[in-house]
């Protein structure tokens, strides 16, 4: 069973946000799935572990960033733990029904890989892109689960790149990606829209296009956690357009969201995604806590 928010630190509870100490220099995520997958793929026993360790730069660090990119936030743990649990369920079910390793080796279509990803399952075939990766915990956990390739992206790169390199994951890379609004999409202002011009450009769309063109394939799975928090409508439009550019009609987009007292923010996110051609909804991670949602989106071509 996972340790929900394991920082392996001894600071007082008051210093933590849902169990995460944002002042600690290092945080560690643990889950049995990581050990099971590493052992199954034949890693050297010395490399087999149930944990991933990440550096962060909290407010006491002289390299602290004023936004969220230099510290770990609770939803990265929650969403990573969910994906670990779903992946472990599939791995254990395969082992229970297959008599040999050869019987467990299956060829999956792109649609099948994406369908599994939509349920939170990572396979050795899954190509993953994390958007707004911050310090990189979620994406590095997914790489440790044995994904084919994980590309972790953000605008702030120094800590992210250092954590990816320190992880030793040969299937993970860090790349800069800013969000941008696609030109030519008409957006309608509403009574609550505080933007001066809802159709004004935001970010460099040419950079998004160049990034997409540089990919060997569209990802099977786009992941994120807490990427809508404290974002204005313009930024969420750029997020929607950027995710849509990265995806095809099969790609599973999965995002961990925590309500912090403004469900209107979630409604705005869905609205912006629909403008970009992305549709879906969210389900609670836990039946007893509907403030935290596992959101799934899919790109749909207008009829």
C-alpha atoms as a PDB file:
ATOM      1  CA  UNK A   1       0.000   0.000   0.000  1.00  0.00           C
ATOM      2  CA  UNK A   2       1.279   3.462  -0.790  1.00  0.00           C
ATOM      3  CA  UNK A   3       2.422   5.972   1.719  1.00  0.00           C
ATOM      4  CA  UNK A   4       0.106   8.774   0.688  1.00  0.00           C
ATOM      5  CA  UNK A   5       2.417  11.746   1.093  1.00  0.00           C
ATOM      6  CA  UNK A   6       5.734  10.405   2.303  1.00  0.00           C
ATOM      7  CA  UNK A   7       8.353  13.120   2.717  1.00  0.00           C
ATOM      8  CA  UNK A   8      10.682  10.989   4.849  1.00  0.00           C
ATOM      9  CA  UNK A   9      11.183  14.130   6.940  1.00  0.00           C
ATOM     10  CA  UNK A  10      10.563  14.876  10.615  1.00  0.00           C
ATOM     11  CA  UNK A  11       9.227  18.428  10.489  1.00  0.00           C
ATOM     12  CA  UNK A  12       6.149  19.215  12.578  1.00  0.00           C
ATOM     13  CA  UNK A  13       2.727  18.524  11.058  1.00  0.00           C
ATOM     14  CA  UNK A  14       1.877  22.229  10.983  1.00  0.00           C
ATOM     15  CA  UNK A  15       4.509  22.696   8.282  1.00  0.00           C
ATOM     16  CA  UNK A  16       2.707  20.354   5.922  1.00  0.00           C
ATOM     17  CA  UNK A  17      -0.036  20.883   3.334  1.00  0.00           C
ATOM     18  CA  UNK A  18      -2.095  17.663   3.246  1.00  0.00           C
ATOM     19  CA  UNK A  19       1.014  15.870   4.464  1.00  0.00           C
ATOM     20  CA  UNK A  20       3.449  17.511   2.053  1.00  0.00           C
ATOM     21  CA  UNK A  21       6.216  19.595   3.602  1.00  0.00           C
ATOM     22  CA  UNK A  22       7.039  22.261   1.042  1.00  0.00           C
ATOM     23  CA  UNK A  23      10.066  23.393   3.041  1.00  0.00           C
ATOM     24  CA  UNK A  24      11.896  20.051   2.874  1.00  0.00           C
ATOM     25  CA  UNK A  25      14.837  19.881   0.468  1.00  0.00           C
ATOM     26  CA  UNK A  26      13.802  16.389  -0.620  1.00  0.00           C
ATOM     27  CA  UNK A  27      10.454  14.569  -0.795  1.00  0.00           C
ATOM     28  CA  UNK A  28       9.908  10.868  -1.454  1.00  0.00           C
ATOM     29  CA  UNK A  29       6.896   9.152  -2.996  1.00  0.00           C
ATOM     30  CA  UNK A  30       6.413   5.450  -2.288  1.00  0.00           C
ATOM     31  CA  UNK A  31       4.146   2.841  -3.834  1.00  0.00           C
ATOM     32  CA  UNK A  32       4.411  -0.939  -4.161  1.00  0.00           C
ATOM     33  CA  UNK A  33       3.674  -0.691  -7.891  1.00  0.00           C
ATOM     34  CA  UNK A  34       7.096   0.841  -8.490  1.00  0.00           C
ATOM     35  CA  UNK A  35       8.861  -2.153  -6.943  1.00  0.00           C
ATOM     36  CA  UNK A  36       6.635  -4.696  -8.698  1.00  0.00           C
ATOM     37  CA  UNK A  37       7.132  -3.144 -12.144  1.00  0.00           C
ATOM     38  CA  UNK A  38      10.895  -2.744 -11.715  1.00  0.00           C
ATOM     39  CA  UNK A  39      11.286  -6.353 -10.631  1.00  0.00           C
ATOM     40  CA  UNK A  40       9.016  -7.600 -13.407  1.00  0.00           C
ATOM     41  CA  UNK A  41      11.035  -5.887 -16.134  1.00  0.00           C
ATOM     42  CA  UNK A  42      14.213  -7.436 -14.774  1.00  0.00           C
ATOM     43  CA  UNK A  43      15.986  -4.422 -13.293  1.00  0.00           C
ATOM     44  CA  UNK A  44      19.166  -5.097 -11.373  1.00  0.00           C
ATOM     45  CA  UNK A  45      18.155  -5.967  -7.812  1.00  0.00           C
ATOM     46  CA  UNK A  46      20.188  -3.041  -6.509  1.00  0.00           C
ATOM     47  CA  UNK A  47      17.992  -0.730  -8.598  1.00  0.00           C
ATOM     48  CA  UNK A  48      14.672  -2.190  -7.453  1.00  0.00           C
ATOM     49  CA  UNK A  49      12.855   0.209  -5.155  1.00  0.00           C
ATOM     50  CA  UNK A  50       9.332   1.224  -4.214  1.00  0.00           C
ATOM     51  CA  UNK A  51      10.111   4.938  -4.157  1.00  0.00           C
ATOM     52  CA  UNK A  52      10.938   8.024  -6.208  1.00  0.00           C
ATOM     53  CA  UNK A  53      12.822  10.910  -4.600  1.00  0.00           C
ATOM     54  CA  UNK A  54      12.544  14.500  -5.818  1.00  0.00           C
ATOM     55  CA  UNK A  55      14.341  17.717  -4.841  1.00  0.00           C
ATOM     56  CA  UNK A  56      12.313  20.833  -4.192  1.00  0.00           C
ATOM     57  CA  UNK A  57      13.127  24.455  -3.417  1.00  0.00           C
ATOM     58  CA  UNK A  58      10.785  25.852  -0.809  1.00  0.00           C
ATOM     59  CA  UNK A  59      10.472  29.349   0.582  1.00  0.00           C
ATOM     60  CA  UNK A  60      13.590  28.868   2.696  1.00  0.00           C
ATOM     61  CA  UNK A  61      15.698  28.188  -0.403  1.00  0.00           C
ATOM     62  CA  UNK A  62      17.471  31.032  -2.201  1.00  0.00           C
ATOM     63  CA  UNK A  63      16.346  29.341  -5.449  1.00  0.00           C
ATOM     64  CA  UNK A  64      12.653  29.346  -4.538  1.00  0.00           C
ATOM     65  CA  UNK A  65      10.338  30.342  -7.405  1.00  0.00           C
ATOM     66  CA  UNK A  66       7.411  32.541  -6.484  1.00  0.00           C
ATOM     67  CA  UNK A  67       4.948  30.343  -8.385  1.00  0.00           C
ATOM     68  CA  UNK A  68       4.306  26.632  -7.816  1.00  0.00           C
ATOM     69  CA  UNK A  69       7.096  25.232  -9.962  1.00  0.00           C
ATOM     70  CA  UNK A  70       9.760  24.701  -7.286  1.00  0.00           C
ATOM     71  CA  UNK A  71       7.714  22.778  -4.689  1.00  0.00           C
ATOM     72  CA  UNK A  72       5.562  19.640  -4.655  1.00  0.00           C
ATOM     73  CA  UNK A  73       1.805  20.084  -4.272  1.00  0.00           C
ATOM     74  CA  UNK A  74      -0.498  17.427  -2.805  1.00  0.00           C
ATOM     75  CA  UNK A  75      -2.354  16.619  -6.029  1.00  0.00           C
ATOM     76  CA  UNK A  76       0.877  15.378  -7.618  1.00  0.00           C
ATOM     77  CA  UNK A  77       0.940  12.697  -4.895  1.00  0.00           C
ATOM     78  CA  UNK A  78      -2.767  11.940  -5.141  1.00  0.00           C
ATOM     79  CA  UNK A  79      -2.795  11.584  -8.926  1.00  0.00           C
ATOM     80  CA  UNK A  80       0.469   9.619  -9.035  1.00  0.00           C
ATOM     81  CA  UNK A  81      -0.841   7.272  -6.351  1.00  0.00           C
ATOM     82  CA  UNK A  82      -4.048   6.701  -8.330  1.00  0.00           C
ATOM     83  CA  UNK A  83      -2.122   5.876 -11.516  1.00  0.00           C
ATOM     84  CA  UNK A  84       0.190   3.543  -9.551  1.00  0.00           C
ATOM     85  CA  UNK A  85      -2.799   1.706  -8.061  1.00  0.00           C
ATOM     86  CA  UNK A  86      -4.569   1.298 -11.420  1.00  0.00           C
ATOM     87  CA  UNK A  87      -1.377   0.132 -13.109  1.00  0.00           C
ATOM     88  CA  UNK A  88      -0.667  -2.344 -10.307  1.00  0.00           C
ATOM     89  CA  UNK A  89      -4.194  -3.775 -10.596  1.00  0.00           C
ATOM     90  CA  UNK A  90      -3.622  -4.550 -14.277  1.00  0.00           C
ATOM     91  CA  UNK A  91      -0.123  -5.994 -13.726  1.00  0.00           C
ATOM     92  CA  UNK A  92      -1.324  -8.298 -10.964  1.00  0.00           C
ATOM     93  CA  UNK A  93      -4.382  -9.373 -12.971  1.00  0.00           C
ATOM     94  CA  UNK A  94      -2.155 -10.262 -15.928  1.00  0.00           C
ATOM     95  CA  UNK A  95       0.135 -12.328 -13.721  1.00  0.00           C
ATOM     96  CA  UNK A  96      -2.830 -14.124 -12.187  1.00  0.00           C
ATOM     97  CA  UNK A  97      -4.226 -15.202 -15.561  1.00  0.00           C
ATOM     98  CA  UNK A  98      -1.070 -15.759 -17.646  1.00  0.00           C
ATOM     99  CA  UNK A  99       0.912 -18.955 -17.289  1.00  0.00           C
ATOM    100  CA  UNK A 100       4.137 -17.560 -18.730  1.00  0.00           C
ATOM    101  CA  UNK A 101       5.923 -14.322 -19.541  1.00  0.00           C
ATOM    102  CA  UNK A 102       5.262 -14.865 -23.251  1.00  0.00           C
ATOM    103  CA  UNK A 103       1.528 -14.988 -22.579  1.00  0.00           C
ATOM    104  CA  UNK A 104       1.801 -11.643 -20.787  1.00  0.00           C
ATOM    105  CA  UNK A 105       3.469 -10.053 -23.814  1.00  0.00           C
ATOM    106  CA  UNK A 106       0.712  -8.590 -25.919  1.00  0.00           C
ATOM    107  CA  UNK A 107       0.596  -6.182 -28.827  1.00  0.00           C
ATOM    108  CA  UNK A 108      -1.794  -3.346 -28.146  1.00  0.00           C
ATOM    109  CA  UNK A 109      -3.258  -0.959 -30.682  1.00  0.00           C
ATOM    110  CA  UNK A 110      -2.957   2.789 -30.170  1.00  0.00           C
ATOM    111  CA  UNK A 111      -6.638   2.961 -29.256  1.00  0.00           C
ATOM    112  CA  UNK A 112      -6.196   0.199 -26.637  1.00  0.00           C
ATOM    113  CA  UNK A 113      -3.142   1.886 -25.070  1.00  0.00           C
ATOM    114  CA  UNK A 114      -5.042   5.163 -24.868  1.00  0.00           C
ATOM    115  CA  UNK A 115      -8.122   3.482 -23.434  1.00  0.00           C
ATOM    116  CA  UNK A 116      -6.012   1.977 -20.646  1.00  0.00           C
ATOM    117  CA  UNK A 117      -4.402   5.385 -20.064  1.00  0.00           C
ATOM    118  CA  UNK A 118      -7.852   6.941 -19.722  1.00  0.00           C
ATOM    119  CA  UNK A 119      -8.398   4.597 -16.763  1.00  0.00           C
ATOM    120  CA  UNK A 120      -5.054   5.569 -15.263  1.00  0.00           C
ATOM    121  CA  UNK A 121      -3.133   2.502 -16.468  1.00  0.00           C
ATOM    122  CA  UNK A 122       0.456   2.885 -17.725  1.00  0.00           C
ATOM    123  CA  UNK A 123       2.019   0.138 -19.871  1.00  0.00           C
ATOM    124  CA  UNK A 124       5.426  -0.407 -21.434  1.00  0.00           C
ATOM    125  CA  UNK A 125       3.862   0.854 -24.686  1.00  0.00           C
ATOM    126  CA  UNK A 126       2.548   4.154 -23.289  1.00  0.00           C
ATOM    127  CA  UNK A 127       4.042   7.426 -24.508  1.00  0.00           C
ATOM    128  CA  UNK A 128       3.304  10.146 -21.939  1.00  0.00           C
ATOM    129  CA  UNK A 129       3.598  13.934 -21.860  1.00  0.00           C
ATOM    130  CA  UNK A 130       3.233  15.881 -18.633  1.00  0.00           C
ATOM    131  CA  UNK A 131       2.098  19.466 -18.962  1.00  0.00           C
ATOM    132  CA  UNK A 132       2.926  21.979 -16.215  1.00  0.00           C
ATOM    133  CA  UNK A 133       5.233  19.425 -14.598  1.00  0.00           C
ATOM    134  CA  UNK A 134       6.725  21.770 -11.989  1.00  0.00           C
ATOM    135  CA  UNK A 135       9.370  19.842 -10.067  1.00  0.00           C
ATOM    136  CA  UNK A 136       8.464  16.669 -11.960  1.00  0.00           C
ATOM    137  CA  UNK A 137       7.225  14.229  -9.313  1.00  0.00           C
ATOM    138  CA  UNK A 138       4.193  12.899 -11.207  1.00  0.00           C
ATOM    139  CA  UNK A 139       5.982  12.400 -14.517  1.00  0.00           C
ATOM    140  CA  UNK A 140       8.995  10.729 -12.925  1.00  0.00           C
ATOM    141  CA  UNK A 141       6.695   8.312 -11.078  1.00  0.00           C
ATOM    142  CA  UNK A 142       5.034   7.456 -14.407  1.00  0.00           C
ATOM    143  CA  UNK A 143       8.469   6.848 -15.932  1.00  0.00           C
ATOM    144  CA  UNK A 144       9.316   4.560 -13.005  1.00  0.00           C
ATOM    145  CA  UNK A 145       6.112   2.624 -13.769  1.00  0.00           C
ATOM    146  CA  UNK A 146       7.742   1.594 -17.038  1.00  0.00           C
ATOM    147  CA  UNK A 147       6.144   3.907 -19.602  1.00  0.00           C
ATOM    148  CA  UNK A 148       7.743   3.745 -23.043  1.00  0.00           C
ATOM    149  CA  UNK A 149       8.675   7.437 -22.854  1.00  0.00           C
ATOM    150  CA  UNK A 150       7.737  10.372 -20.614  1.00  0.00           C
ATOM    151  CA  UNK A 151       8.293  13.982 -21.686  1.00  0.00           C
ATOM    152  CA  UNK A 152       7.959  16.396 -18.758  1.00  0.00           C
ATOM    153  CA  UNK A 153       7.275  19.993 -19.789  1.00  0.00           C
ATOM    154  CA  UNK A 154       7.072  23.387 -18.133  1.00  0.00           C
ATOM    155  CA  UNK A 155       8.203  26.945 -18.738  1.00  0.00           C
ATOM    156  CA  UNK A 156      10.490  26.860 -15.678  1.00  0.00           C
ATOM    157  CA  UNK A 157      13.126  24.283 -16.476  1.00  0.00           C
ATOM    158  CA  UNK A 158      16.085  24.376 -14.076  1.00  0.00           C
ATOM    159  CA  UNK A 159      14.723  22.246 -11.229  1.00  0.00           C
ATOM    160  CA  UNK A 160      12.617  20.059 -13.517  1.00  0.00           C
ATOM    161  CA  UNK A 161      15.609  19.185 -15.710  1.00  0.00           C
ATOM    162  CA  UNK A 162      17.785  18.523 -12.660  1.00  0.00           C
ATOM    163  CA  UNK A 163      15.202  16.168 -11.120  1.00  0.00           C
ATOM    164  CA  UNK A 164      14.724  14.245 -14.359  1.00  0.00           C
ATOM    165  CA  UNK A 165      18.481  13.818 -14.751  1.00  0.00           C
ATOM    166  CA  UNK A 166      18.937  12.817 -11.099  1.00  0.00           C
ATOM    167  CA  UNK A 167      16.169  10.201 -11.418  1.00  0.00           C
ATOM    168  CA  UNK A 168      18.311   8.158 -13.782  1.00  0.00           C
ATOM    169  CA  UNK A 169      15.213   7.322 -15.827  1.00  0.00           C
ATOM    170  CA  UNK A 170      16.403   6.721 -19.389  1.00  0.00           C
ATOM    171  CA  UNK A 171      12.786   6.828 -20.577  1.00  0.00           C
ATOM    172  CA  UNK A 172      12.230  10.383 -19.264  1.00  0.00           C
ATOM    173  CA  UNK A 173      13.184  13.778 -20.658  1.00  0.00           C
ATOM    174  CA  UNK A 174      12.536  17.399 -19.664  1.00  0.00           C
ATOM    175  CA  UNK A 175      11.596  19.966 -22.312  1.00  0.00           C
ATOM    176  CA  UNK A 176      10.406  23.544 -22.188  1.00  0.00           C
ATOM    177  CA  UNK A 177       6.835  24.142 -23.361  1.00  0.00           C
ATOM    178  CA  UNK A 178       4.842  27.315 -22.850  1.00  0.00           C
ATOM    179  CA  UNK A 179       1.089  27.435 -23.386  1.00  0.00           C
ATOM    180  CA  UNK A 180      -0.415  29.530 -26.162  1.00  0.00           C
ATOM    181  CA  UNK A 181      -3.775  30.406 -27.694  1.00  0.00           C
ATOM    182  CA  UNK A 182      -4.378  29.128 -31.203  1.00  0.00           C
ATOM    183  CA  UNK A 183      -5.162  31.963 -33.639  1.00  0.00           C
ATOM    184  CA  UNK A 184      -8.424  31.845 -35.506  1.00  0.00           C
ATOM    185  CA  UNK A 185     -10.653  30.354 -32.800  1.00  0.00           C
ATOM    186  CA  UNK A 186     -13.482  32.754 -32.016  1.00  0.00           C
ATOM    187  CA  UNK A 187     -14.223  32.974 -28.313  1.00  0.00           C
ATOM    188  CA  UNK A 188     -17.330  34.534 -26.865  1.00  0.00           C
ATOM    189  CA  UNK A 189     -17.108  36.807 -23.851  1.00  0.00           C
ATOM    190  CA  UNK A 190     -19.564  36.258 -21.021  1.00  0.00           C
ATOM    191  CA  UNK A 191     -20.727  38.514 -18.215  1.00  0.00           C
ATOM    192  CA  UNK A 192     -18.054  37.189 -15.874  1.00  0.00           C
ATOM    193  CA  UNK A 193     -15.209  37.508 -18.389  1.00  0.00           C
ATOM    194  CA  UNK A 194     -12.746  40.088 -17.132  1.00  0.00           C
ATOM    195  CA  UNK A 195     -10.400  39.772 -20.136  1.00  0.00           C
ATOM    196  CA  UNK A 196     -10.066  42.957 -22.166  1.00  0.00           C
ATOM    197  CA  UNK A 197     -10.122  41.014 -25.443  1.00  0.00           C
ATOM    198  CA  UNK A 198     -11.195  37.371 -25.393  1.00  0.00           C
ATOM    199  CA  UNK A 199      -9.673  36.808 -28.836  1.00  0.00           C
ATOM    200  CA  UNK A 200      -6.306  38.433 -28.100  1.00  0.00           C
ATOM    201  CA  UNK A 201      -3.195  36.267 -28.645  1.00  0.00           C
ATOM    202  CA  UNK A 202      -1.475  34.701 -25.638  1.00  0.00           C
ATOM    203  CA  UNK A 203       1.904  32.987 -25.748  1.00  0.00           C
ATOM    204  CA  UNK A 204       3.749  31.990 -28.913  1.00  0.00           C
ATOM    205  CA  UNK A 205       1.609  29.598 -30.935  1.00  0.00           C
ATOM    206  CA  UNK A 206       4.459  28.981 -33.386  1.00  0.00           C
ATOM    207  CA  UNK A 207       6.506  27.508 -30.525  1.00  0.00           C
ATOM    208  CA  UNK A 208       3.667  25.135 -29.657  1.00  0.00           C
ATOM    209  CA  UNK A 209       3.417  24.043 -33.303  1.00  0.00           C
ATOM    210  CA  UNK A 210       7.181  23.509 -33.502  1.00  0.00           C
ATOM    211  CA  UNK A 211       7.104  21.445 -30.307  1.00  0.00           C
ATOM    212  CA  UNK A 212       4.296  19.235 -31.625  1.00  0.00           C
ATOM    213  CA  UNK A 213       6.104  18.739 -34.935  1.00  0.00           C
ATOM    214  CA  UNK A 214       9.251  17.653 -33.065  1.00  0.00           C
ATOM    215  CA  UNK A 215       7.465  14.725 -31.388  1.00  0.00           C
ATOM    216  CA  UNK A 216       8.008  11.267 -32.836  1.00  0.00           C
ATOM    217  CA  UNK A 217       4.339  10.524 -32.148  1.00  0.00           C
ATOM    218  CA  UNK A 218       1.371  12.103 -30.446  1.00  0.00           C
ATOM    219  CA  UNK A 219       1.337  10.974 -26.803  1.00  0.00           C
ATOM    220  CA  UNK A 220      -0.991   8.211 -25.747  1.00  0.00           C
ATOM    221  CA  UNK A 221      -1.435  10.016 -22.443  1.00  0.00           C
ATOM    222  CA  UNK A 222      -1.219  13.682 -21.419  1.00  0.00           C
ATOM    223  CA  UNK A 223      -1.000  14.122 -17.648  1.00  0.00           C
ATOM    224  CA  UNK A 224      -1.132  17.036 -15.234  1.00  0.00           C
ATOM    225  CA  UNK A 225      -1.945  17.915 -11.647  1.00  0.00           C
ATOM    226  CA  UNK A 226      -3.095  21.202 -10.126  1.00  0.00           C
ATOM    227  CA  UNK A 227      -2.511  22.967 -13.434  1.00  0.00           C
ATOM    228  CA  UNK A 228      -5.733  25.013 -13.271  1.00  0.00           C
ATOM    229  CA  UNK A 229      -5.208  26.459  -9.801  1.00  0.00           C
ATOM    230  CA  UNK A 230      -5.155  30.263  -9.696  1.00  0.00           C
ATOM    231  CA  UNK A 231      -5.207  30.562 -13.503  1.00  0.00           C
ATOM    232  CA  UNK A 232      -7.216  33.244 -15.261  1.00  0.00           C
ATOM    233  CA  UNK A 233      -9.485  32.472 -18.195  1.00  0.00           C
ATOM    234  CA  UNK A 234      -6.935  33.534 -20.799  1.00  0.00           C
ATOM    235  CA  UNK A 235      -4.339  31.134 -19.387  1.00  0.00           C
ATOM    236  CA  UNK A 236      -6.873  28.290 -19.290  1.00  0.00           C
ATOM    237  CA  UNK A 237      -7.741  28.956 -22.927  1.00  0.00           C
ATOM    238  CA  UNK A 238      -4.048  28.650 -23.749  1.00  0.00           C
ATOM    239  CA  UNK A 239      -3.896  25.428 -21.719  1.00  0.00           C
ATOM    240  CA  UNK A 240      -6.856  23.981 -23.635  1.00  0.00           C
ATOM    241  CA  UNK A 241      -5.463  24.922 -27.045  1.00  0.00           C
ATOM    242  CA  UNK A 242      -2.012  23.575 -26.180  1.00  0.00           C
ATOM    243  CA  UNK A 243      -3.355  20.224 -24.958  1.00  0.00           C
ATOM    244  CA  UNK A 244      -5.538  19.947 -28.063  1.00  0.00           C
ATOM    245  CA  UNK A 245      -2.510  20.533 -30.305  1.00  0.00           C
ATOM    246  CA  UNK A 246      -0.584  17.788 -28.511  1.00  0.00           C
ATOM    247  CA  UNK A 247      -3.415  15.251 -28.721  1.00  0.00           C
ATOM    248  CA  UNK A 248      -5.192  13.236 -31.357  1.00  0.00           C
ATOM    249  CA  UNK A 249      -8.662  11.712 -31.096  1.00  0.00           C
ATOM    250  CA  UNK A 250      -7.336   8.725 -29.114  1.00  0.00           C
ATOM    251  CA  UNK A 251      -5.054  10.524 -26.661  1.00  0.00           C
ATOM    252  CA  UNK A 252      -6.127  10.234 -23.025  1.00  0.00           C
ATOM    253  CA  UNK A 253      -5.822  13.513 -21.135  1.00  0.00           C
ATOM    254  CA  UNK A 254      -5.890  12.903 -17.370  1.00  0.00           C
ATOM    255  CA  UNK A 255      -5.614  15.654 -14.770  1.00  0.00           C
ATOM    256  CA  UNK A 256      -5.738  15.699 -10.996  1.00  0.00           C
ATOM    257  CA  UNK A 257      -7.821  18.616  -9.680  1.00  0.00           C
ATOM    258  CA  UNK A 258      -8.480  19.826  -6.141  1.00  0.00           C
ATOM    259  CA  UNK A 259     -11.280  22.273  -5.387  1.00  0.00           C
ATOM    260  CA  UNK A 260     -10.055  25.035  -3.103  1.00  0.00           C
ATOM    261  CA  UNK A 261     -13.365  26.793  -2.720  1.00  0.00           C
ATOM    262  CA  UNK A 262     -14.089  27.919  -6.281  1.00  0.00           C
ATOM    263  CA  UNK A 263     -15.975  25.390  -8.388  1.00  0.00           C
ATOM    264  CA  UNK A 264     -16.447  28.201 -10.919  1.00  0.00           C
ATOM    265  CA  UNK A 265     -12.808  27.704 -11.842  1.00  0.00           C
ATOM    266  CA  UNK A 266     -13.513  24.121 -12.875  1.00  0.00           C
ATOM    267  CA  UNK A 267     -16.526  25.203 -14.947  1.00  0.00           C
ATOM    268  CA  UNK A 268     -14.341  27.787 -16.689  1.00  0.00           C
ATOM    269  CA  UNK A 269     -11.721  25.129 -17.405  1.00  0.00           C
ATOM    270  CA  UNK A 270     -14.308  22.838 -19.013  1.00  0.00           C
ATOM    271  CA  UNK A 271     -15.648  25.755 -21.046  1.00  0.00           C
ATOM    272  CA  UNK A 272     -12.169  26.636 -22.322  1.00  0.00           C
ATOM    273  CA  UNK A 273     -11.422  23.006 -23.126  1.00  0.00           C
ATOM    274  CA  UNK A 274     -14.641  22.682 -25.129  1.00  0.00           C
ATOM    275  CA  UNK A 275     -13.639  25.765 -27.143  1.00  0.00           C
ATOM    276  CA  UNK A 276     -10.459  23.825 -27.974  1.00  0.00           C
ATOM    277  CA  UNK A 277     -12.342  20.649 -28.921  1.00  0.00           C
ATOM    278  CA  UNK A 278     -11.680  18.733 -25.681  1.00  0.00           C
ATOM    279  CA  UNK A 279     -14.567  17.122 -23.830  1.00  0.00           C
ATOM    280  CA  UNK A 280     -14.892  15.071 -20.662  1.00  0.00           C
ATOM    281  CA  UNK A 281     -15.621  15.160 -16.966  1.00  0.00           C
ATOM    282  CA  UNK A 282     -14.197  14.247 -13.574  1.00  0.00           C
ATOM    283  CA  UNK A 283     -14.773  11.527 -11.005  1.00  0.00           C
ATOM    284  CA  UNK A 284     -13.738  11.658  -7.325  1.00  0.00           C
ATOM    285  CA  UNK A 285     -10.564   9.770  -6.453  1.00  0.00           C
ATOM    286  CA  UNK A 286     -12.307   8.792  -3.229  1.00  0.00           C
ATOM    287  CA  UNK A 287     -16.049   8.316  -2.821  1.00  0.00           C
ATOM    288  CA  UNK A 288     -15.832  10.173   0.483  1.00  0.00           C
ATOM    289  CA  UNK A 289     -14.041  13.226  -0.948  1.00  0.00           C
ATOM    290  CA  UNK A 290     -15.560  14.925  -3.976  1.00  0.00           C
ATOM    291  CA  UNK A 291     -13.205  17.922  -3.681  1.00  0.00           C
ATOM    292  CA  UNK A 292     -10.504  15.959  -5.525  1.00  0.00           C
ATOM    293  CA  UNK A 293     -11.260  14.812  -9.048  1.00  0.00           C
ATOM    294  CA  UNK A 294      -9.596  12.601 -11.640  1.00  0.00           C
ATOM    295  CA  UNK A 295     -10.500  14.491 -14.813  1.00  0.00           C
ATOM    296  CA  UNK A 296     -10.433  12.751 -18.188  1.00  0.00           C
ATOM    297  CA  UNK A 297     -10.654  14.604 -21.487  1.00  0.00           C
ATOM    298  CA  UNK A 298     -10.649  13.502 -25.113  1.00  0.00           C
ATOM    299  CA  UNK A 299     -10.316  15.419 -28.352  1.00  0.00           C
ATOM    300  CA  UNK A 300     -13.373  15.273 -30.562  1.00  0.00           C
ATOM    301  CA  UNK A 301     -13.741  16.521 -34.115  1.00  0.00           C
ATOM    302  CA  UNK A 302     -16.844  18.710 -34.579  1.00  0.00           C
ATOM    303  CA  UNK A 303     -19.616  16.961 -36.516  1.00  0.00           C
END
